Amino acid sequence: MPSPDTLPHPGAAERLIRLREVLARTGRSRSAWYADMAAGRAPAAVRIGERSVAWREREIDAWIAARPAARSAA
């Protein structure tokens, strides 16, 4: 169960971030990111339009925090 600190505040809109920001935060290339998504190693995209996708910011933050390199660099 997630801790209360990781849950969004009641009434707060969940922030969605686009691919450019995901790649900047994760340090991954576009092809590596999509390969990780296809393999189930990265959070899935959310469709926000007919030809647009984004990712939930909290899922990206959790993915980064779970990476071994991120833990050792902190």
Protein backbone atom coordinates (compact mmCIF):
# COMPACT_ATOMS: atom_id res chain seq x y z
CA MET A 1 0.00 0.00 0.00
CA PRO A 2 1.41 3.44 -0.90
CA SER A 3 2.31 5.75 1.92
CA PRO A 4 0.17 8.87 2.42
CA ASP A 5 3.08 10.98 1.17
CA THR A 6 2.89 9.38 -2.28
CA LEU A 7 -0.84 9.89 -2.73
CA PRO A 8 -2.07 13.02 -4.50
CA HIS A 9 -3.86 15.57 -2.34
CA PRO A 10 -7.65 15.36 -2.52
CA GLY A 11 -8.89 17.60 -5.29
CA ALA A 12 -5.41 18.03 -6.79
CA ALA A 13 -5.17 17.33 -10.49
CA GLU A 14 -2.69 14.66 -11.43
CA ARG A 15 0.11 16.11 -13.56
CA LEU A 16 0.77 14.50 -16.91
CA ILE A 17 4.14 14.96 -18.58
CA ARG A 18 5.04 14.58 -22.23
CA LEU A 19 7.77 12.42 -23.73
CA ARG A 20 10.40 15.18 -23.88
CA GLU A 21 10.20 15.66 -20.12
CA VAL A 22 10.11 11.90 -19.45
CA LEU A 23 13.31 11.45 -21.46
CA ALA A 24 14.99 14.41 -19.77
CA ARG A 25 14.14 13.09 -16.31
CA THR A 26 15.07 9.47 -16.98
CA GLY A 27 18.11 10.00 -19.17
CA ARG A 28 16.80 7.37 -21.58
CA SER A 29 16.65 7.64 -25.35
CA ARG A 30 13.28 7.56 -27.10
CA SER A 31 13.86 4.08 -28.51
CA ALA A 32 15.11 2.70 -25.17
CA TRP A 33 12.12 4.20 -23.35
CA TYR A 34 9.60 2.67 -25.76
CA ALA A 35 11.44 -0.69 -25.62
CA ASP A 36 11.20 -0.62 -21.81
CA MET A 37 7.49 0.20 -22.07
CA ALA A 38 6.89 -2.67 -24.49
CA ALA A 39 8.71 -5.05 -22.15
CA GLY A 40 6.72 -3.83 -19.14
CA ARG A 41 9.77 -2.29 -17.44
CA ALA A 42 8.51 1.31 -17.68
CA PRO A 43 5.17 2.97 -16.94
CA ALA A 44 2.59 2.87 -19.70
CA ALA A 45 1.53 6.01 -21.52
CA VAL A 46 -1.89 7.58 -21.09
CA ARG A 47 -3.71 8.61 -24.26
CA ILE A 48 -4.64 12.29 -24.03
CA GLY A 49 -5.78 12.80 -27.61
CA GLU A 50 -6.15 11.05 -30.91
CA ARG A 51 -2.40 11.27 -31.58
CA SER A 52 -1.05 12.33 -28.19
CA VAL A 53 0.18 10.49 -25.13
CA ALA A 54 1.62 11.51 -21.78
CA TRP A 55 2.77 9.83 -18.59
CA ARG A 56 1.64 10.27 -14.99
CA GLU A 57 4.34 12.28 -13.24
CA ARG A 58 4.09 10.26 -10.02
CA GLU A 59 4.62 6.99 -11.96
CA ILE A 60 7.74 8.41 -13.62
CA ASP A 61 9.04 9.65 -10.26
CA ALA A 62 8.42 6.20 -8.73
CA TRP A 63 10.19 4.50 -11.67
CA ILE A 64 13.22 6.76 -11.22
CA ALA A 65 13.30 6.14 -7.46
CA ALA A 66 13.23 2.37 -8.04
CA ARG A 67 16.25 2.40 -10.36
CA PRO A 68 19.42 1.05 -8.71
CA ALA A 69 21.57 3.79 -10.29
CA ALA A 70 19.28 6.47 -8.88
CA ARG A 71 19.59 5.05 -5.35
CA SER A 72 23.38 4.81 -5.44
CA ALA A 73 23.79 8.34 -6.86
CA ALA A 74 21.74 9.92 -4.06
